[in-house]
N, C-alpha and C. Protein backbone atom coordinates (compact mmCIF):
# COMPACT_ATOMS: atom_id res chain seq x y z
N MET A 1 0.37 107.71 -2.13
CA MET A 1 -0.29 108.90 -1.57
C MET A 1 -1.73 108.94 -2.06
N GLU A 2 -2.66 109.29 -1.16
CA GLU A 2 -4.06 109.29 -1.54
C GLU A 2 -4.37 110.49 -2.43
N ASN A 3 -5.35 110.33 -3.30
CA ASN A 3 -5.75 111.36 -4.24
C ASN A 3 -6.78 112.27 -3.58
N ILE A 4 -6.37 113.50 -3.26
CA ILE A 4 -7.25 114.45 -2.60
C ILE A 4 -7.77 115.43 -3.64
N LYS A 5 -9.08 115.56 -3.72
CA LYS A 5 -9.69 116.50 -4.66
C LYS A 5 -9.61 117.90 -4.08
N SER A 6 -9.43 118.89 -4.97
CA SER A 6 -9.48 120.27 -4.52
C SER A 6 -10.19 121.11 -5.57
N LYS A 7 -10.71 122.23 -5.14
CA LYS A 7 -11.41 123.15 -6.02
C LYS A 7 -11.05 124.56 -5.59
N GLU A 8 -10.96 125.46 -6.55
CA GLU A 8 -10.54 126.82 -6.28
C GLU A 8 -11.67 127.80 -6.54
N PHE A 9 -11.83 128.76 -5.63
CA PHE A 9 -12.82 129.83 -5.78
C PHE A 9 -12.12 131.16 -5.56
N LEU A 10 -12.48 132.17 -6.35
CA LEU A 10 -12.04 133.53 -6.04
C LEU A 10 -12.81 134.00 -4.80
N VAL A 11 -12.25 134.97 -4.08
CA VAL A 11 -12.86 135.43 -2.83
C VAL A 11 -14.34 135.81 -3.03
N GLY A 12 -14.63 136.65 -4.02
CA GLY A 12 -16.01 137.08 -4.26
C GLY A 12 -16.92 135.93 -4.64
N GLU A 13 -16.38 135.01 -5.43
CA GLU A 13 -17.15 133.84 -5.83
C GLU A 13 -17.47 132.96 -4.62
N ALA A 14 -16.49 132.79 -3.74
CA ALA A 14 -16.70 131.98 -2.53
C ALA A 14 -17.76 132.62 -1.64
N LYS A 15 -17.74 133.96 -1.58
CA LYS A 15 -18.74 134.68 -0.78
C LYS A 15 -20.14 134.47 -1.36
N ASN A 16 -20.26 134.61 -2.66
CA ASN A 16 -21.58 134.49 -3.30
C ASN A 16 -22.08 133.06 -3.38
N LYS A 17 -21.18 132.10 -3.35
CA LYS A 17 -21.56 130.69 -3.48
C LYS A 17 -21.16 129.90 -2.24
N PHE A 18 -21.31 130.52 -1.07
CA PHE A 18 -20.84 129.88 0.16
C PHE A 18 -21.49 128.53 0.40
N SER A 19 -22.77 128.40 0.08
CA SER A 19 -23.43 127.11 0.24
C SER A 19 -22.78 126.04 -0.63
N GLU A 20 -22.41 126.40 -1.84
CA GLU A 20 -21.71 125.46 -2.73
C GLU A 20 -20.34 125.10 -2.16
N VAL A 21 -19.65 126.10 -1.63
CA VAL A 21 -18.34 125.85 -1.00
C VAL A 21 -18.49 124.82 0.11
N LEU A 22 -19.47 125.01 0.98
CA LEU A 22 -19.68 124.08 2.09
C LEU A 22 -20.08 122.70 1.59
N ASN A 23 -20.88 122.63 0.53
CA ASN A 23 -21.24 121.33 -0.05
C ASN A 23 -20.01 120.60 -0.56
N GLU A 24 -19.12 121.33 -1.23
CA GLU A 24 -17.89 120.72 -1.73
C GLU A 24 -17.07 120.15 -0.58
N VAL A 25 -16.91 120.94 0.48
CA VAL A 25 -16.12 120.50 1.64
C VAL A 25 -16.77 119.28 2.28
N SER A 26 -18.09 119.29 2.42
CA SER A 26 -18.77 118.16 3.04
C SER A 26 -18.65 116.89 2.19
N ASN A 27 -18.36 117.06 0.90
CA ASN A 27 -18.15 115.91 0.01
C ASN A 27 -16.69 115.50 -0.08
N GLY A 28 -15.84 116.05 0.80
CA GLY A 28 -14.44 115.64 0.86
C GLY A 28 -13.49 116.44 0.01
N VAL A 29 -13.95 117.54 -0.57
CA VAL A 29 -13.11 118.37 -1.43
C VAL A 29 -12.45 119.46 -0.60
N VAL A 30 -11.15 119.69 -0.82
CA VAL A 30 -10.44 120.81 -0.20
C VAL A 30 -10.73 122.04 -1.05
N VAL A 31 -11.28 123.07 -0.44
CA VAL A 31 -11.60 124.30 -1.17
C VAL A 31 -10.51 125.32 -0.89
N ARG A 32 -9.93 125.81 -1.98
CA ARG A 32 -8.89 126.84 -1.90
C ARG A 32 -9.50 128.17 -2.32
N ILE A 33 -9.34 129.19 -1.49
CA ILE A 33 -9.87 130.52 -1.80
C ILE A 33 -8.68 131.41 -2.17
N VAL A 34 -8.78 132.02 -3.37
CA VAL A 34 -7.67 132.80 -3.92
C VAL A 34 -8.14 134.20 -4.27
N LYS A 35 -7.18 135.12 -4.43
CA LYS A 35 -7.53 136.48 -4.82
C LYS A 35 -6.53 137.02 -5.83
N GLY A 36 -6.99 137.98 -6.61
CA GLY A 36 -6.13 138.68 -7.54
C GLY A 36 -5.79 137.90 -8.80
N LYS A 37 -5.10 138.62 -9.72
CA LYS A 37 -4.70 138.00 -10.99
C LYS A 37 -3.70 136.87 -10.78
N GLN A 38 -2.89 136.99 -9.75
CA GLN A 38 -1.92 135.94 -9.46
C GLN A 38 -2.56 134.77 -8.72
N ARG A 39 -3.84 134.91 -8.40
CA ARG A 39 -4.59 133.88 -7.69
C ARG A 39 -3.84 133.45 -6.42
N LYS A 40 -3.49 134.47 -5.62
CA LYS A 40 -2.78 134.24 -4.36
C LYS A 40 -3.69 133.52 -3.37
N LEU A 41 -3.21 132.44 -2.82
CA LEU A 41 -3.98 131.65 -1.85
C LEU A 41 -4.15 132.45 -0.56
N VAL A 42 -5.41 132.59 -0.13
CA VAL A 42 -5.68 133.30 1.13
C VAL A 42 -6.27 132.38 2.18
N ALA A 43 -6.86 131.26 1.75
CA ALA A 43 -7.45 130.34 2.73
C ALA A 43 -7.68 128.98 2.08
N GLU A 44 -7.73 127.97 2.94
CA GLU A 44 -8.13 126.64 2.53
C GLU A 44 -9.17 126.15 3.53
N ILE A 45 -10.23 125.57 3.02
CA ILE A 45 -11.24 124.96 3.89
C ILE A 45 -11.14 123.47 3.64
N ILE A 46 -10.84 122.73 4.68
CA ILE A 46 -10.63 121.29 4.53
C ILE A 46 -11.72 120.51 5.23
N PRO A 47 -12.04 119.33 4.71
CA PRO A 47 -13.04 118.49 5.37
C PRO A 47 -12.54 118.05 6.74
N PRO A 48 -13.44 117.82 7.68
CA PRO A 48 -13.00 117.32 8.99
C PRO A 48 -12.33 115.96 8.82
N THR A 49 -11.36 115.69 9.68
CA THR A 49 -10.64 114.42 9.58
C THR A 49 -11.44 113.26 10.14
N LYS A 50 -12.38 113.58 11.02
CA LYS A 50 -13.20 112.53 11.61
C LYS A 50 -14.62 113.05 11.74
N LYS A 51 -15.55 112.31 11.20
CA LYS A 51 -16.96 112.69 11.35
C LYS A 51 -17.41 112.25 12.74
N VAL A 52 -18.11 113.13 13.43
CA VAL A 52 -18.56 112.86 14.79
C VAL A 52 -20.07 112.99 14.83
N ASP A 53 -20.75 111.97 15.33
CA ASP A 53 -22.19 112.05 15.52
C ASP A 53 -22.48 112.91 16.74
N ASP A 54 -23.63 113.56 16.73
CA ASP A 54 -24.01 114.39 17.87
C ASP A 54 -24.01 113.58 19.16
N ASP A 55 -24.37 112.30 19.09
CA ASP A 55 -24.41 111.47 20.29
C ASP A 55 -23.02 111.28 20.90
N GLU A 56 -21.97 111.39 20.08
CA GLU A 56 -20.61 111.19 20.56
C GLU A 56 -20.05 112.42 21.26
N LEU A 57 -20.67 113.58 21.06
CA LEU A 57 -20.08 114.82 21.56
C LEU A 57 -20.09 114.91 23.08
N GLY A 58 -21.12 114.44 23.72
CA GLY A 58 -21.17 114.55 25.17
C GLY A 58 -21.38 115.99 25.58
N ILE A 59 -20.84 116.36 26.71
CA ILE A 59 -21.00 117.71 27.22
C ILE A 59 -20.00 118.63 26.52
N GLY A 60 -20.49 119.70 25.95
CA GLY A 60 -19.63 120.65 25.25
C GLY A 60 -19.40 120.23 23.82
N SER A 61 -19.34 121.20 22.94
CA SER A 61 -19.22 120.89 21.52
C SER A 61 -17.82 120.41 21.14
N LEU A 62 -16.83 120.60 21.99
CA LEU A 62 -15.46 120.17 21.67
C LEU A 62 -15.03 118.94 22.47
N ALA A 63 -16.00 118.24 23.03
CA ALA A 63 -15.67 117.09 23.87
C ALA A 63 -14.92 116.01 23.11
N HIS A 64 -15.12 115.92 21.81
CA HIS A 64 -14.46 114.89 21.02
C HIS A 64 -12.98 115.19 20.78
N TRP A 65 -12.50 116.36 21.15
CA TRP A 65 -11.11 116.75 20.89
C TRP A 65 -10.13 116.15 21.89
N GLY A 66 -10.60 115.69 23.01
CA GLY A 66 -9.69 115.12 23.99
C GLY A 66 -10.31 115.12 25.37
N GLU A 67 -9.48 114.80 26.32
CA GLU A 67 -9.95 114.72 27.69
C GLU A 67 -9.08 115.62 28.56
N PHE A 68 -9.61 115.98 29.72
CA PHE A 68 -8.82 116.70 30.69
C PHE A 68 -9.25 116.26 32.08
N ALA A 69 -8.37 116.46 33.03
CA ALA A 69 -8.69 116.09 34.41
C ALA A 69 -8.27 117.24 35.31
N ILE A 70 -9.03 117.43 36.37
CA ILE A 70 -8.69 118.45 37.36
C ILE A 70 -8.20 117.73 38.60
N SER A 71 -7.06 118.17 39.08
CA SER A 71 -6.45 117.55 40.25
C SER A 71 -7.37 117.67 41.46
N ASP A 72 -7.37 116.65 42.30
CA ASP A 72 -8.21 116.65 43.50
C ASP A 72 -7.86 117.79 44.46
N ASP A 73 -6.60 118.23 44.46
CA ASP A 73 -6.20 119.28 45.41
C ASP A 73 -6.25 120.69 44.79
N TRP A 74 -6.83 120.82 43.62
CA TRP A 74 -6.94 122.11 42.97
C TRP A 74 -8.05 122.92 43.61
N GLU A 75 -7.75 124.19 43.90
CA GLU A 75 -8.74 125.07 44.52
C GLU A 75 -8.73 126.43 43.84
N MET A 76 -9.90 127.05 43.81
CA MET A 76 -10.02 128.41 43.28
C MET A 76 -11.16 129.10 43.99
N THR A 77 -10.91 130.30 44.44
CA THR A 77 -11.97 131.07 45.09
C THR A 77 -12.87 131.68 44.02
N GLU A 78 -14.04 132.14 44.44
CA GLU A 78 -14.94 132.80 43.50
C GLU A 78 -14.30 134.06 42.93
N GLU A 79 -13.54 134.78 43.76
CA GLU A 79 -12.88 136.01 43.30
C GLU A 79 -11.85 135.68 42.21
N GLU A 80 -11.08 134.60 42.40
CA GLU A 80 -10.12 134.19 41.38
C GLU A 80 -10.82 133.79 40.09
N LEU A 81 -11.91 133.07 40.21
CA LEU A 81 -12.66 132.63 39.05
C LEU A 81 -13.19 133.83 38.26
N LEU A 82 -13.66 134.82 38.99
CA LEU A 82 -14.23 136.01 38.35
C LEU A 82 -13.17 137.07 38.05
N ASN A 83 -11.91 136.77 38.36
CA ASN A 83 -10.78 137.66 38.13
C ASN A 83 -10.96 139.01 38.83
N LEU A 84 -11.38 138.94 40.10
CA LEU A 84 -11.58 140.15 40.89
C LEU A 84 -10.35 140.49 41.71
């Protein structure tokens, strides 16, 4: 199993040091955000699984997530599109 680094921040600390949190994540560290004396986990920020160059994105910011196709016989009126 691969060795994954993680770091823990209290909620207020994560808020005040958000730039540091993002730097940690960009360096491959999983950031765990906790609250209270019991340090209850409220969130995890994980590094992206695949780095994507802007040139790879194409049209739309989520183009790298997959593909879709519209059937040739698909039709929609303007009223349907606008939900009128």
